[in-house]
């Protein structure tokens, strides 16, 4: 079995990055994002990236770091509402954006990973999302054709992995990391812990190791909170 474990993010991405590449990035908001790998991409200086991700992070966090350094040419995303730099670049014409409904984005990546080049969905029919896309009728209902997404690289964040790359996601982090992982020609994972083979219950594994080519331990992490909502303390 090939050794999939690398010492750090920069080493794990060595020989993989190139200008103009497409990257599928896992995560949901600031939850389950591959922070160390994003930092390494930022430090590499690679540019003209197309990134498929549920969101673009926030200013100075997550993929927001790559937007700030102007390394991203195009975002394929479903939710971008909290990133002011994203908004500024988009409105000024500096950033190309392909908005995609959240479930459709997950399915496009899952389909790409499964070798399915396209599928029909009712989501987006009659809206701006459908502009320029093929429309077909099934049982009297219109559906639009969406293309599967294939990327040069997938970067994901997991909770635990064994030495062969079998991986478990924790709670919300499972939402987009799993389909993003399968959509890339190469998948690089950062995890909180790597355990010996046989330590993980096979029934709990979310991503088989066959998909993971390289991995690092990224811990420790600081838990980032996108919105902090508190209530006033009630006086006794």
Protein backbone atom coordinates (compact mmCIF):
# COMPACT_ATOMS: atom_id res chain seq x y z
CA UNK A 1 0.00 0.00 0.00
CA UNK A 2 1.38 3.41 -1.00
CA UNK A 3 2.02 5.86 1.80
CA UNK A 4 -0.64 8.57 1.50
CA UNK A 5 0.46 10.60 4.49
CA UNK A 6 2.41 13.82 3.91
CA UNK A 7 4.10 16.04 6.45
CA UNK A 8 2.32 19.28 5.60
CA UNK A 9 -0.10 20.89 3.15
CA UNK A 10 2.56 22.40 0.88
CA UNK A 11 4.25 19.02 0.46
CA UNK A 12 0.91 17.28 -0.17
CA UNK A 13 0.15 19.72 -2.99
CA UNK A 14 3.60 19.58 -4.54
CA UNK A 15 3.43 18.84 -8.27
CA UNK A 16 -0.37 19.13 -8.29
CA UNK A 17 -1.03 22.86 -8.60
CA UNK A 18 -0.93 24.78 -11.87
CA UNK A 19 -2.35 28.04 -13.22
CA UNK A 20 -5.85 27.82 -14.66
CA UNK A 21 -6.79 24.61 -12.85
CA UNK A 22 -10.23 23.69 -11.50
CA UNK A 23 -10.57 22.87 -7.81
CA UNK A 24 -13.48 21.35 -5.89
CA UNK A 25 -13.32 22.60 -2.30
CA UNK A 26 -15.30 20.97 0.50
CA UNK A 27 -16.96 22.70 3.42
CA UNK A 28 -20.21 24.32 4.46
CA UNK A 29 -19.85 27.94 5.54
CA UNK A 30 -16.76 27.86 7.73
CA UNK A 31 -17.54 24.31 8.86
CA UNK A 32 -15.38 21.50 7.52
CA UNK A 33 -13.23 23.66 5.25
CA UNK A 34 -9.71 22.48 4.32
CA UNK A 35 -7.96 25.39 6.04
CA UNK A 36 -4.37 24.17 5.78
CA UNK A 37 -4.71 23.28 2.11
CA UNK A 38 -6.28 26.65 1.31
CA UNK A 39 -3.37 28.37 3.06
CA UNK A 40 -0.89 26.33 1.02
CA UNK A 41 -2.65 27.22 -2.23
CA UNK A 42 -2.54 30.88 -1.25
CA UNK A 43 1.18 30.64 -0.47
CA UNK A 44 1.92 28.87 -3.77
CA UNK A 45 0.83 31.88 -5.84
CA UNK A 46 -1.05 29.70 -8.34
CA UNK A 47 -3.59 31.85 -10.21
CA UNK A 48 -6.57 31.93 -12.61
CA UNK A 49 -8.32 29.27 -10.55
CA UNK A 50 -11.85 28.02 -11.10
CA UNK A 51 -13.22 26.86 -7.75
CA UNK A 52 -16.42 24.91 -7.17
CA UNK A 53 -17.55 25.31 -3.57
CA UNK A 54 -20.78 25.74 -1.66
CA UNK A 55 -19.54 29.17 -0.62
CA UNK A 56 -16.55 31.48 -0.96
CA UNK A 57 -15.77 31.77 2.72
CA UNK A 58 -15.88 35.16 4.39
CA UNK A 59 -13.48 38.08 4.20
CA UNK A 60 -10.09 36.78 5.29
CA UNK A 61 -11.31 33.25 6.11
CA UNK A 62 -11.57 30.10 4.03
CA UNK A 63 -11.62 30.67 0.28
CA UNK A 64 -11.92 34.38 1.05
CA UNK A 65 -8.11 34.30 1.38
CA UNK A 66 -7.76 33.28 -2.27
CA UNK A 67 -10.20 35.96 -3.37
CA UNK A 68 -8.25 38.58 -1.44
CA UNK A 69 -5.00 37.53 -3.15
CA UNK A 70 -6.73 37.61 -6.58
CA UNK A 71 -5.92 33.99 -7.36
CA UNK A 72 -9.50 33.07 -8.33
CA UNK A 73 -10.82 33.67 -11.83
CA UNK A 74 -14.20 31.96 -11.45
CA UNK A 75 -16.41 30.70 -8.61
CA UNK A 76 -19.10 28.04 -9.01
CA UNK A 77 -21.12 28.49 -5.82
CA UNK A 78 -24.56 28.41 -4.29
CA UNK A 79 -24.15 30.84 -1.39
CA UNK A 80 -21.90 33.89 -1.33
CA UNK A 81 -23.82 36.38 0.77
CA UNK A 82 -21.29 37.05 3.54
CA UNK A 83 -18.19 37.89 1.52
CA UNK A 84 -17.77 41.60 0.77
CA UNK A 85 -14.65 41.09 -1.34
CA UNK A 86 -16.52 38.52 -3.43
CA UNK A 87 -19.30 41.06 -3.93
CA UNK A 88 -16.87 43.81 -4.89
CA UNK A 89 -14.98 41.67 -7.41
CA UNK A 90 -18.18 40.33 -8.95
CA UNK A 91 -19.84 43.71 -9.34
CA UNK A 92 -16.67 45.24 -10.80
CA UNK A 93 -16.33 42.45 -13.36
CA UNK A 94 -13.09 41.09 -11.87
CA UNK A 95 -14.59 37.72 -10.93
CA UNK A 96 -16.68 35.36 -13.04
CA UNK A 97 -19.48 33.73 -11.07
CA UNK A 98 -21.67 30.73 -11.90
CA UNK A 99 -24.49 30.59 -9.39
CA UNK A 100 -25.82 27.09 -8.82
CA UNK A 101 -28.63 25.91 -6.52
CA UNK A 102 -27.19 24.15 -3.50
CA UNK A 103 -28.60 20.69 -4.14
CA UNK A 104 -27.77 20.93 -7.83
CA UNK A 105 -24.16 21.79 -7.01
CA UNK A 106 -23.82 18.77 -4.75
CA UNK A 107 -25.34 16.53 -7.43
CA UNK A 108 -23.14 17.99 -10.17
CA UNK A 109 -20.08 17.03 -8.17
CA UNK A 110 -21.47 13.62 -7.22
CA UNK A 111 -22.37 12.98 -10.88
CA UNK A 112 -18.92 14.03 -12.06
CA UNK A 113 -17.33 11.66 -9.59
CA UNK A 114 -19.60 8.84 -10.77
CA UNK A 115 -18.73 9.38 -14.43
CA UNK A 116 -22.13 10.90 -15.27
CA UNK A 117 -21.62 13.83 -17.69
CA UNK A 118 -25.03 15.41 -17.14
CA UNK A 119 -28.50 15.06 -15.64
CA UNK A 120 -31.90 16.75 -15.80
CA UNK A 121 -33.40 18.59 -12.85
CA UNK A 122 -36.49 20.70 -12.27
CA UNK A 123 -34.61 23.05 -9.94
CA UNK A 124 -34.10 26.40 -11.63
CA UNK A 125 -36.66 25.96 -14.42
CA UNK A 126 -38.08 29.35 -15.41
CA UNK A 127 -35.34 31.30 -13.59
CA UNK A 128 -32.01 32.87 -14.55
CA UNK A 129 -30.37 29.57 -13.62
CA UNK A 130 -31.94 28.00 -16.73
CA UNK A 131 -30.60 30.57 -19.20
CA UNK A 132 -28.62 28.95 -22.01
CA UNK A 133 -29.33 25.41 -20.82
CA UNK A 134 -31.15 22.65 -22.65
CA UNK A 135 -34.76 22.15 -21.53
CA UNK A 136 -36.50 18.80 -21.92
CA UNK A 137 -39.98 17.67 -21.00
CA UNK A 138 -40.62 14.52 -18.97
CA UNK A 139 -44.23 13.52 -18.23
CA UNK A 140 -45.40 17.02 -19.07
CA UNK A 141 -42.88 18.76 -16.80
CA UNK A 142 -39.87 20.81 -17.93
CA UNK A 143 -36.38 19.98 -16.70
CA UNK A 144 -33.02 21.62 -17.39
CA UNK A 145 -29.79 19.85 -18.24
CA UNK A 146 -26.98 20.34 -15.72
CA UNK A 147 -23.43 19.17 -16.38
CA UNK A 148 -21.47 17.04 -13.97
CA UNK A 149 -18.38 18.73 -12.54
CA UNK A 150 -14.93 17.21 -12.89
CA UNK A 151 -11.98 18.97 -11.28
CA UNK A 152 -8.22 18.72 -11.50
CA UNK A 153 -8.04 18.69 -7.71
CA UNK A 154 -10.34 18.12 -4.74
CA UNK A 155 -9.41 19.56 -1.35
CA UNK A 156 -11.43 18.32 1.61
CA UNK A 157 -11.48 18.30 5.41
CA UNK A 158 -12.26 15.16 7.41
CA UNK A 159 -12.45 14.21 11.05
CA UNK A 160 -10.68 10.85 11.20
CA UNK A 161 -8.89 8.75 8.61
CA UNK A 162 -6.98 5.54 8.72
CA UNK A 163 -3.61 5.11 7.05
CA UNK A 164 -5.20 3.85 3.83
CA UNK A 165 -7.35 6.99 3.51
CA UNK A 166 -10.72 5.64 4.64
CA UNK A 167 -12.33 8.74 6.08
CA UNK A 168 -15.08 9.90 8.42
CA UNK A 169 -16.66 13.35 8.31
CA UNK A 170 -18.21 14.89 11.40
CA UNK A 171 -21.79 16.18 11.27
CA UNK A 172 -22.24 19.27 9.03
CA UNK A 173 -18.80 18.80 7.48
CA UNK A 174 -20.21 15.83 5.57
CA UNK A 175 -22.54 18.02 3.47
CA UNK A 176 -20.18 18.96 0.65
CA UNK A 177 -16.88 17.27 1.44
CA UNK A 178 -18.11 13.87 0.35
CA UNK A 179 -19.29 14.73 -3.20
CA UNK A 180 -16.41 17.16 -3.74
CA UNK A 181 -13.90 14.42 -2.87
CA UNK A 182 -15.02 12.14 -5.68
CA UNK A 183 -15.16 14.85 -8.37
CA UNK A 184 -11.41 15.52 -8.56
CA UNK A 185 -8.75 13.66 -10.52
CA UNK A 186 -6.67 13.94 -7.34
CA UNK A 187 -8.16 14.25 -3.85
CA UNK A 188 -6.04 15.68 -1.05
CA UNK A 189 -7.56 15.47 2.43
CA UNK A 190 -6.66 17.14 5.68
CA UNK A 191 -7.94 15.46 8.82
CA UNK A 192 -7.85 15.96 12.55
CA UNK A 193 -6.46 12.50 13.26
CA UNK A 194 -4.99 9.54 11.40
CA UNK A 195 -5.46 6.15 13.09
CA UNK A 196 -4.08 2.67 12.28
CA UNK A 197 -5.83 0.52 9.69
CA UNK A 198 -8.59 -1.50 11.35
CA UNK A 199 -9.36 1.17 13.95
CA UNK A 200 -12.43 2.47 12.13
CA UNK A 201 -15.74 0.60 12.06
CA UNK A 202 -16.33 -0.12 8.34
CA UNK A 203 -20.00 0.83 8.74
CA UNK A 204 -19.04 4.35 9.83
CA UNK A 205 -16.76 5.20 6.90
CA UNK A 206 -18.15 7.97 4.69
CA UNK A 207 -15.44 8.10 2.01
CA UNK A 208 -13.52 4.99 0.91
CA UNK A 209 -9.76 5.38 0.79
CA UNK A 210 -9.70 4.61 -2.95
CA UNK A 211 -10.66 8.26 -3.53
CA UNK A 212 -7.97 9.79 -1.30
CA UNK A 213 -4.53 10.10 -2.90
CA UNK A 214 -2.79 12.26 -0.29
CA UNK A 215 -3.56 13.40 3.25
CA UNK A 216 -2.19 15.42 6.12
CA UNK A 217 -3.02 15.99 9.76
CA UNK A 218 -4.12 19.61 10.04
CA UNK A 219 -4.90 19.75 13.76
CA UNK A 220 -5.09 21.68 15.97
CA UNK A 221 -7.88 23.92 14.64
CA UNK A 222 -9.53 27.05 16.00
CA UNK A 223 -13.29 26.79 15.60
CA UNK A 224 -14.40 29.79 13.55
CA UNK A 225 -17.94 31.13 14.02
CA UNK A 226 -19.47 32.85 11.01
CA UNK A 227 -22.30 34.50 12.99
CA UNK A 228 -22.13 34.92 16.73
CA UNK A 229 -25.63 35.37 18.12
CA UNK A 230 -26.01 36.04 21.82
CA UNK A 231 -28.82 37.23 24.05
CA UNK A 232 -28.64 39.79 26.78
CA UNK A 233 -27.96 38.43 30.21
CA UNK A 234 -31.05 38.56 32.38
CA UNK A 235 -30.41 40.16 35.75
CA UNK A 236 -31.27 37.95 38.70
